[in-house]
C-alpha atoms as a PDB file:
ATOM      1  CA  GLU A   1      29.427  11.527   2.825  1.00  0.00           C
ATOM      2  CA  SER A   2      28.834  11.051  -0.714  1.00  0.00           C
ATOM      3  CA  ALA A   3      25.570   8.839  -0.251  1.00  0.00           C
ATOM      4  CA  ALA A   4      23.863  12.602   1.374  1.00  0.00           C
ATOM      5  CA  GLU A   5      24.843  14.017  -1.980  1.00  0.00           C
ATOM      6  CA  GLU A   6      23.303  11.228  -4.271  1.00  0.00           C
ATOM      7  CA  PRO A   7      20.621  12.057  -6.303  1.00  0.00           C
ATOM      8  CA  ARG A   8      17.140   9.889  -5.811  1.00  0.00           C
ATOM      9  CA  VAL A   9      15.502   8.836  -8.177  1.00  0.00           C
ATOM     10  CA  LEU A  10      11.380   8.492  -7.522  1.00  0.00           C
ATOM     11  CA  CYS A  11       9.999   5.394  -9.160  1.00  0.00           C
ATOM     12  CA  ILE A  12       6.179   5.408  -9.488  1.00  0.00           C
ATOM     13  CA  ILE A  13       5.108   1.725 -10.044  1.00  0.00           C
ATOM     14  CA  GLN A  14       1.577   0.909 -11.570  1.00  0.00           C
ATOM     15  CA  ASP A  15       0.131  -2.981 -11.232  1.00  0.00           C
ATOM     16  CA  THR A  16      -1.248  -3.511 -14.298  1.00  0.00           C
ATOM     17  CA  THR A  17      -1.919  -7.533 -13.746  1.00  0.00           C
ATOM     18  CA  ASN A  18      -5.444  -7.165 -12.479  1.00  0.00           C
ATOM     19  CA  SER A  19      -8.412  -4.853 -12.053  1.00  0.00           C
ATOM     20  CA  LYS A  20      -8.042  -4.162  -8.666  1.00  0.00           C
ATOM     21  CA  THR A  21      -4.699  -3.030  -8.625  1.00  0.00           C
ATOM     22  CA  VAL A  22      -4.760  -1.125 -11.368  1.00  0.00           C
ATOM     23  CA  ASN A  23      -5.603   2.315  -9.888  1.00  0.00           C
ATOM     24  CA  GLU A  24      -2.872   1.993  -7.324  1.00  0.00           C
ATOM     25  CA  ARG A  25       0.431   3.329  -7.190  1.00  0.00           C
ATOM     26  CA  VAL A  26       3.523   2.220  -5.213  1.00  0.00           C
ATOM     27  CA  THR A  27       6.667   4.385  -4.470  1.00  0.00           C
ATOM     28  CA  LEU A  28       9.979   4.184  -4.425  1.00  0.00           C
ATOM     29  CA  ASN A  29      12.417   7.199  -3.863  1.00  0.00           C
ATOM     30  CA  LEU A  30      16.077   5.031  -4.525  1.00  0.00           C
ATOM     31  CA  PRO A  31      19.460   6.452  -4.494  1.00  0.00           C
ATOM     32  CA  ALA A  32      20.846   7.169  -8.143  1.00  0.00           C
ATOM     33  CA  SER A  33      23.365   4.364  -7.810  1.00  0.00           C
ATOM     34  CA  THR A  34      20.994   1.579  -7.018  1.00  0.00           C
ATOM     35  CA  PRO A  35      21.101  -1.686  -9.176  1.00  0.00           C
ATOM     36  CA  LEU A  36      18.484  -2.717 -11.699  1.00  0.00           C
ATOM     37  CA  LYS A  37      18.178  -5.910  -9.657  1.00  0.00           C
ATOM     38  CA  LYS A  38      18.162  -4.330  -6.727  1.00  0.00           C
ATOM     39  CA  LEU A  39      14.882  -1.929  -8.295  1.00  0.00           C
ATOM     40  CA  PHE A  40      13.114  -5.735  -8.996  1.00  0.00           C
ATOM     41  CA  GLU A  41      13.721  -6.921  -5.365  1.00  0.00           C
ATOM     42  CA  ASP A  42      12.376  -3.621  -3.702  1.00  0.00           C
ATOM     43  CA  VAL A  43       9.337  -3.603  -5.458  1.00  0.00           C
ATOM     44  CA  ALA A  44       8.685  -7.538  -5.028  1.00  0.00           C
ATOM     45  CA  SER A  45       9.107  -6.718  -1.372  1.00  0.00           C
ATOM     46  CA  LYS A  46       6.612  -3.490  -1.325  1.00  0.00           C
ATOM     47  CA  VAL A  47       4.097  -5.116  -3.397  1.00  0.00           C
ATOM     48  CA  GLY A  48       4.201  -8.869  -1.959  1.00  0.00           C
ATOM     49  CA  TYR A  49       5.138 -10.795  -4.706  1.00  0.00           C
ATOM     50  CA  VAL A  50       7.952 -13.133  -5.286  1.00  0.00           C
ATOM     51  CA  ASN A  51      10.693 -11.698  -7.099  1.00  0.00           C
ATOM     52  CA  GLY A  52      11.441 -13.209 -10.617  1.00  0.00           C
ATOM     53  CA  THR A  53       7.506 -13.860 -11.673  1.00  0.00           C
ATOM     54  CA  PHE A  54       6.890 -10.439 -12.757  1.00  0.00           C
ATOM     55  CA  ASP A  55       8.409  -7.856 -15.368  1.00  0.00           C
ATOM     56  CA  LEU A  56       8.699  -4.127 -15.042  1.00  0.00           C
ATOM     57  CA  MET A  57       7.926  -2.397 -18.091  1.00  0.00           C
ATOM     58  CA  TRP A  58       8.820   1.780 -19.112  1.00  0.00           C
ATOM     59  CA  GLY A  59       5.508   3.616 -19.229  1.00  0.00           C
ATOM     60  CA  ASN A  60       3.978   7.431 -18.788  1.00  0.00           C
ATOM     61  CA  GLY A  61       1.446   7.811 -16.724  1.00  0.00           C
ATOM     62  CA  ASP A  62      -1.934   5.637 -17.894  1.00  0.00           C
ATOM     63  CA  ASN A  63      -0.490   4.940 -21.158  1.00  0.00           C
ATOM     64  CA  MET A  64      -0.016   1.533 -21.854  1.00  0.00           C
ATOM     65  CA  ALA A  65       1.540   2.217 -25.242  1.00  0.00           C
ATOM     66  CA  ASP A  66       5.025   2.063 -26.450  1.00  0.00           C
ATOM     67  CA  THR A  67       6.063   0.285 -23.139  1.00  0.00           C
ATOM     68  CA  THR A  68       9.866  -1.262 -23.165  1.00  0.00           C
ATOM     69  CA  PRO A  69      10.576  -4.038 -20.820  1.00  0.00           C
ATOM     70  CA  ILE A  70      13.081  -3.400 -18.183  1.00  0.00           C
ATOM     71  CA  ASP A  71      16.156  -6.221 -18.226  1.00  0.00           C
ATOM     72  CA  GLN A  72      16.229  -7.683 -14.637  1.00  0.00           C
ATOM     73  CA  ASN A  73      19.457  -9.342 -14.879  1.00  0.00           C
ATOM     74  CA  SER A  74      21.360  -5.984 -16.328  1.00  0.00           C
ATOM     75  CA  ASP A  75      24.300  -4.723 -14.013  1.00  0.00           C
ATOM     76  CA  LYS A  76      23.263  -1.563 -14.944  1.00  0.00           C
ATOM     77  CA  THR A  77      22.309   1.013 -12.429  1.00  0.00           C
ATOM     78  CA  ILE A  78      18.683   2.725 -12.690  1.00  0.00           C
ATOM     79  CA  LEU A  79      20.529   5.954 -13.493  1.00  0.00           C
ATOM     80  CA  ASP A  80      22.373   4.292 -16.297  1.00  0.00           C
ATOM     81  CA  ALA A  81      19.071   2.649 -17.477  1.00  0.00           C
ATOM     82  CA  GLY A  82      17.627   5.694 -18.105  1.00  0.00           C
ATOM     83  CA  PHE A  83      16.000   6.880 -14.871  1.00  0.00           C
ATOM     84  CA  GLU A  84      16.046  10.516 -14.219  1.00  0.00           C
ATOM     85  CA  PRO A  85      16.607  12.214 -10.991  1.00  0.00           C
ATOM     86  CA  GLY A  86      14.140  14.816 -10.328  1.00  0.00           C
ATOM     87  CA  LYS A  87      11.673  13.596 -12.130  1.00  0.00           C
ATOM     88  CA  LYS A  88       8.386  11.239 -11.759  1.00  0.00           C
ATOM     89  CA  ASN A  89       9.841   7.768 -13.762  1.00  0.00           C
ATOM     90  CA  PHE A  90       6.568   5.589 -14.134  1.00  0.00           C
ATOM     91  CA  VAL A  91       6.655   1.785 -14.692  1.00  0.00           C
ATOM     92  CA  HIS A  92       4.331  -1.010 -15.130  1.00  0.00           C
ATOM     93  CA  LEU A  93       4.087  -3.995 -13.317  1.00  0.00           C
ATOM     94  CA  THR A  94       3.381  -6.670 -15.406  1.00  0.00           C
ATOM     95  CA  ASP A  95       2.769 -10.373 -15.716  1.00  0.00           C
ATOM     96  CA  LYS A  96       5.688 -12.519 -16.762  1.00  0.00           C
ATOM     97  CA  ASP A  97       5.471 -15.175 -19.590  1.00  0.00           C
ATOM     98  CA  GLY A  98       1.276 -14.474 -19.711  1.00  0.00           C
ATOM     99  CA  GLU A  99       1.265 -16.029 -15.957  1.00  0.00           C
ATOM    100  CA  GLN A 100       0.013 -13.695 -12.883  1.00  0.00           C
ATOM    101  CA  PRO A 101       2.892 -12.845 -10.234  1.00  0.00           C
ATOM    102  CA  HIS A 102       3.373 -15.035  -7.452  1.00  0.00           C
ATOM    103  CA  ILE A 103       2.056 -13.303  -4.223  1.00  0.00           C
ATOM    104  CA  MET A 104       4.807 -13.600  -1.220  1.00  0.00           C
ATOM    105  CA  PRO A 105       3.775 -16.384   1.095  1.00  0.00           C
ATOM    106  CA  GLU A 106       2.700 -15.069   4.568  1.00  0.00           C
ATOM    107  CA  GLU A 107       5.308 -15.792   7.401  1.00  0.00           C
ATOM    108  CA  SER A 108       3.933 -18.613   9.811  1.00  0.00           C
ATOM    109  CA  GLY A 109       3.838 -16.545  12.650  1.00  0.00           C
ATOM    110  CA  ALA A 110       0.976 -14.149  11.265  1.00  0.00           C
ATOM    111  CA  THR A 111      -1.591 -16.618  11.946  1.00  0.00           C
ATOM    112  CA  ASP A 112      -1.503 -15.984  15.433  1.00  0.00           C
ATOM    113  CA  ASP A 113      -2.582 -12.218  14.677  1.00  0.00           C
ATOM    114  CA  SER A 114      -5.829 -13.280  12.868  1.00  0.00           C
ATOM    115  CA  ALA A 115      -8.023 -12.958  15.543  1.00  0.00           C
ATOM    116  CA  GLN A 116      -6.822  -9.636  16.157  1.00  0.00           C
ATOM    117  CA  ASP A 117      -6.564  -8.497  12.614  1.00  0.00           C
ATOM    118  CA  ARG A 118     -10.812  -9.546  12.303  1.00  0.00           C
ATOM    119  CA  PHE A 119     -11.995  -7.673  15.386  1.00  0.00           C
ATOM    120  CA  ILE A 120     -14.040  -4.078  14.594  1.00  0.00           C
ATOM    121  CA  GLY A 121     -14.951  -2.023  17.199  1.00  0.00           C
ATOM    122  CA  PRO A 122     -13.971   0.715  19.031  1.00  0.00           C
ATOM    123  CA  LEU A 123     -10.846   1.817  19.848  1.00  0.00           C
ATOM    124  CA  PRO A 124     -10.037   2.231  23.548  1.00  0.00           C
ATOM    125  CA  ARG A 125      -8.692   5.629  24.059  1.00  0.00           C
ATOM    126  CA  GLU A 126      -4.945   5.955  25.104  1.00  0.00           C
ATOM    127  CA  GLY A 127      -4.491   5.338  29.071  1.00  0.00           C
ATOM    128  CA  SER A 128      -7.957   4.167  29.537  1.00  0.00           C
ATOM    129  CA  VAL A 129      -8.701   0.518  31.161  1.00  0.00           C
ATOM    130  CA  GLY A 130      -9.970  -1.862  28.166  1.00  0.00           C
ATOM    131  CA  CYS A 131      -9.083  -4.647  26.163  1.00  0.00           C
ATOM    132  CA  THR A 132      -6.611  -2.827  24.486  1.00  0.00           C
ATOM    133  CA  ASN A 133      -5.255  -6.022  23.102  1.00  0.00           C
ATOM    134  CA  ASP A 134      -7.936  -6.328  20.710  1.00  0.00           C
ATOM    135  CA  TYR A 135      -6.382  -3.922  18.617  1.00  0.00           C
ATOM    136  CA  VAL A 136      -3.224  -2.477  19.290  1.00  0.00           C
ATOM    137  CA  SER A 137      -0.617  -5.794  19.003  1.00  0.00           C
ATOM    138  CA  GLN A 138       3.237  -5.538  19.851  1.00  0.00           C
ATOM    139  CA  SER A 139       3.814  -8.774  17.695  1.00  0.00           C
ATOM    140  CA  TYR A 140       3.336  -7.704  14.000  1.00  0.00           C
ATOM    141  CA  SER A 141       5.883  -8.997  12.161  1.00  0.00           C
ATOM    142  CA  TYR A 142       4.956  -8.571   8.494  1.00  0.00           C
ATOM    143  CA  SER A 143       8.256  -8.704   6.029  1.00  0.00           C
ATOM    144  CA  SER A 144       6.558  -6.549   3.448  1.00  0.00           C
ATOM    145  CA  VAL A 145       7.542  -2.815   3.291  1.00  0.00           C
ATOM    146  CA  LEU A 146       4.024  -2.289   2.619  1.00  0.00           C
ATOM    147  CA  SER A 147       2.906  -3.572   5.738  1.00  0.00           C
ATOM    148  CA  LYS A 148       1.325  -1.580   8.924  1.00  0.00           C
ATOM    149  CA  SER A 149       4.137   0.067  10.713  1.00  0.00           C
ATOM    150  CA  GLU A 150       4.753  -0.660  14.264  1.00  0.00           C
ATOM    151  CA  THR A 151       2.432   2.198  15.665  1.00  0.00           C
ATOM    152  CA  GLY A 152      -0.415  -0.468  14.305  1.00  0.00           C
ATOM    153  CA  TYR A 153      -1.843   2.749  12.135  1.00  0.00           C
ATOM    154  CA  VAL A 154      -2.959   2.876   8.815  1.00  0.00           C
ATOM    155  CA  GLY A 155      -2.594   5.504   5.991  1.00  0.00           C
ATOM    156  CA  LEU A 156      -4.803   7.216   3.425  1.00  0.00           C
ATOM    157  CA  VAL A 157      -3.099   7.001  -0.199  1.00  0.00           C
ATOM    158  CA  ASN A 158      -3.335  10.447  -1.445  1.00  0.00           C
ATOM    159  CA  GLN A 159      -5.698  10.369  -4.681  1.00  0.00           C
ATOM    160  CA  ALA A 160      -4.261  13.631  -5.938  1.00  0.00           C
ATOM    161  CA  MET A 161      -4.890  16.572  -3.802  1.00  0.00           C
ATOM    162  CA  THR A 162      -6.311  15.055  -1.724  1.00  0.00           C
ATOM    163  CA  CYS A 163      -4.235  15.356   1.365  1.00  0.00           C
ATOM    164  CA  TYR A 164      -7.053  18.020   3.226  1.00  0.00           C
ATOM    165  CA  LEU A 165      -9.613  14.810   3.623  1.00  0.00           C
ATOM    166  CA  ASN A 166      -7.079  12.487   4.198  1.00  0.00           C
ATOM    167  CA  SER A 167      -6.789  14.767   7.247  1.00  0.00           C
ATOM    168  CA  LEU A 168     -10.362  15.248   7.953  1.00  0.00           C
ATOM    169  CA  LEU A 169     -10.828  11.371   7.385  1.00  0.00           C
ATOM    170  CA  GLN A 170      -8.272  10.514   9.907  1.00  0.00           C
ATOM    171  CA  THR A 171      -9.123  12.908  12.544  1.00  0.00           C
ATOM    172  CA  LEU A 172     -13.400  11.092  12.128  1.00  0.00           C
ATOM    173  CA  PHE A 173     -11.429   7.936  12.823  1.00  0.00           C
ATOM    174  CA  MET A 174      -9.673   8.642  15.580  1.00  0.00           C
ATOM    175  CA  THR A 175     -12.721  10.321  17.019  1.00  0.00           C
ATOM    176  CA  PRO A 176     -13.846   7.497  19.311  1.00  0.00           C
ATOM    177  CA  GLU A 177     -17.481   8.908  19.849  1.00  0.00           C
ATOM    178  CA  PHE A 178     -17.984   8.985  16.122  1.00  0.00           C
ATOM    179  CA  ARG A 179     -16.066   6.283  14.701  1.00  0.00           C
ATOM    180  CA  ASN A 180     -18.360   4.132  17.205  1.00  0.00           C
ATOM    181  CA  ALA A 181     -21.558   5.610  16.704  1.00  0.00           C
ATOM    182  CA  LEU A 182     -20.994   4.947  12.638  1.00  0.00           C
ATOM    183  CA  TYR A 183     -20.323   1.189  13.455  1.00  0.00           C
ATOM    184  CA  LYS A 184     -23.660   0.819  15.205  1.00  0.00           C
ATOM    185  CA  TRP A 185     -25.048   2.434  12.308  1.00  0.00           C
ATOM    186  CA  GLU A 186     -26.591  -0.200   9.964  1.00  0.00           C
ATOM    187  CA  PHE A 187     -26.742  -0.033   6.274  1.00  0.00           C
ATOM    188  CA  GLU A 188     -30.583  -0.499   4.681  1.00  0.00           C
ATOM    189  CA  GLU A 189     -29.564  -2.069   0.657  1.00  0.00           C
ATOM    190  CA  SER A 190     -33.291  -1.912  -0.045  1.00  0.00           C
ATOM    191  CA  GLU A 191     -33.358   1.819   0.884  1.00  0.00           C
ATOM    192  CA  GLU A 192     -30.265   3.023  -0.916  1.00  0.00           C
ATOM    193  CA  ASP A 193     -27.176   1.900  -3.220  1.00  0.00           C
ATOM    194  CA  PRO A 194     -24.332   0.910  -1.422  1.00  0.00           C
ATOM    195  CA  VAL A 195     -21.870   2.613  -4.106  1.00  0.00           C
ATOM    196  CA  THR A 196     -23.788   5.725  -3.084  1.00  0.00           C
ATOM    197  CA  SER A 197     -24.082   5.833   0.553  1.00  0.00           C
ATOM    198  CA  ILE A 198     -21.769   7.896   2.071  1.00  0.00           C
ATOM    199  CA  PRO A 199     -21.915   6.637   5.349  1.00  0.00           C
ATOM    200  CA  TYR A 200     -22.123   3.014   4.426  1.00  0.00           C
ATOM    201  CA  GLN A 201     -18.712   3.647   2.036  1.00  0.00           C
ATOM    202  CA  LEU A 202     -16.878   5.493   5.410  1.00  0.00           C
ATOM    203  CA  GLN A 203     -18.082   2.544   7.445  1.00  0.00           C
ATOM    204  CA  ARG A 204     -16.319   0.603   5.100  1.00  0.00           C
ATOM    205  CA  LEU A 205     -13.508   2.492   4.676  1.00  0.00           C
ATOM    206  CA  PHE A 206     -13.525   2.768   8.901  1.00  0.00           C
ATOM    207  CA  VAL A 207     -13.106  -0.965   9.014  1.00  0.00           C
ATOM    208  CA  LEU A 208     -10.021  -1.000   6.461  1.00  0.00           C
ATOM    209  CA  LEU A 209      -8.316   1.221   8.529  1.00  0.00           C
ATOM    210  CA  GLN A 210      -8.629  -0.488  11.818  1.00  0.00           C
ATOM    211  CA  THR A 211      -8.017  -4.157  10.040  1.00  0.00           C
ATOM    212  CA  SER A 212      -5.473  -3.510   7.058  1.00  0.00           C
ATOM    213  CA  LYS A 213      -2.322  -5.197   7.500  1.00  0.00           C
ATOM    214  CA  LYS A 214      -0.715  -2.622   5.002  1.00  0.00           C
ATOM    215  CA  ARG A 215       0.753   0.704   5.263  1.00  0.00           C
ATOM    216  CA  ALA A 216      -1.975   3.202   3.659  1.00  0.00           C
ATOM    217  CA  ILE A 217      -4.948   2.206   1.824  1.00  0.00           C
END
C-alpha cells in the first residue's frame, strides 16, 4: 500500500565514456527508497555494462564541471544521497580508474538469432502468407532492460519535443509499400553527401528499426 504512495525519482544518465554514447540519455524512474547499490545495478543492466566497472558522477545536464562521485558502496537510499523527487536528476556515467567500462557479454543463445537480426527486407503484413520468421522471432532473450521488447518492435528516442516526428517516422516504417520502395532505392555517393541525403538517412534509420536489439534508437 505504501509503495503506491512512495515518491519516485527521475534519473537521467549520460554515458560520457565515448563519443558514440555521449549524446544518448538513459532514463530510470525509481522509488525514492532505492539503495544506491541498486541504482548502480539498474544502470549497469540498462546500458549493458558490467557493474563495478564504471563510476556515476553528479551532473547538471551537459555541464561536466563540478561533478561529484556517487558512492556505490553506501547504504544510503537515493533520496538520502541527494536525489530529488519530482525533478530531473542528471548523472554522468564515467570511466572507472581511467579504464573503459566492461561491456556485458551476450547470452550464448543470442547467436541463434543472428541470421534473423541481420535480415534486411520487407516485413509481411499481419496475417499474410510469408516468411514471418525472417523478422519476427519468438525467442528473444536479451537480458538488458534496453533490449528489444517481446513485440519485436523498436522505438525512437525523443530528441526533445520530436514526438510528432517520431510518430510520422514509425507510421512510414509500418507502411510496407513505402518501406520496401525505400529499401530498393540505391544511394549514389558520387552525386550527394550521405550526411545531408534525407532518403539515405531514412533508409539507415529503417534498417536500425528493423534489426536493432535495442528497445529504442
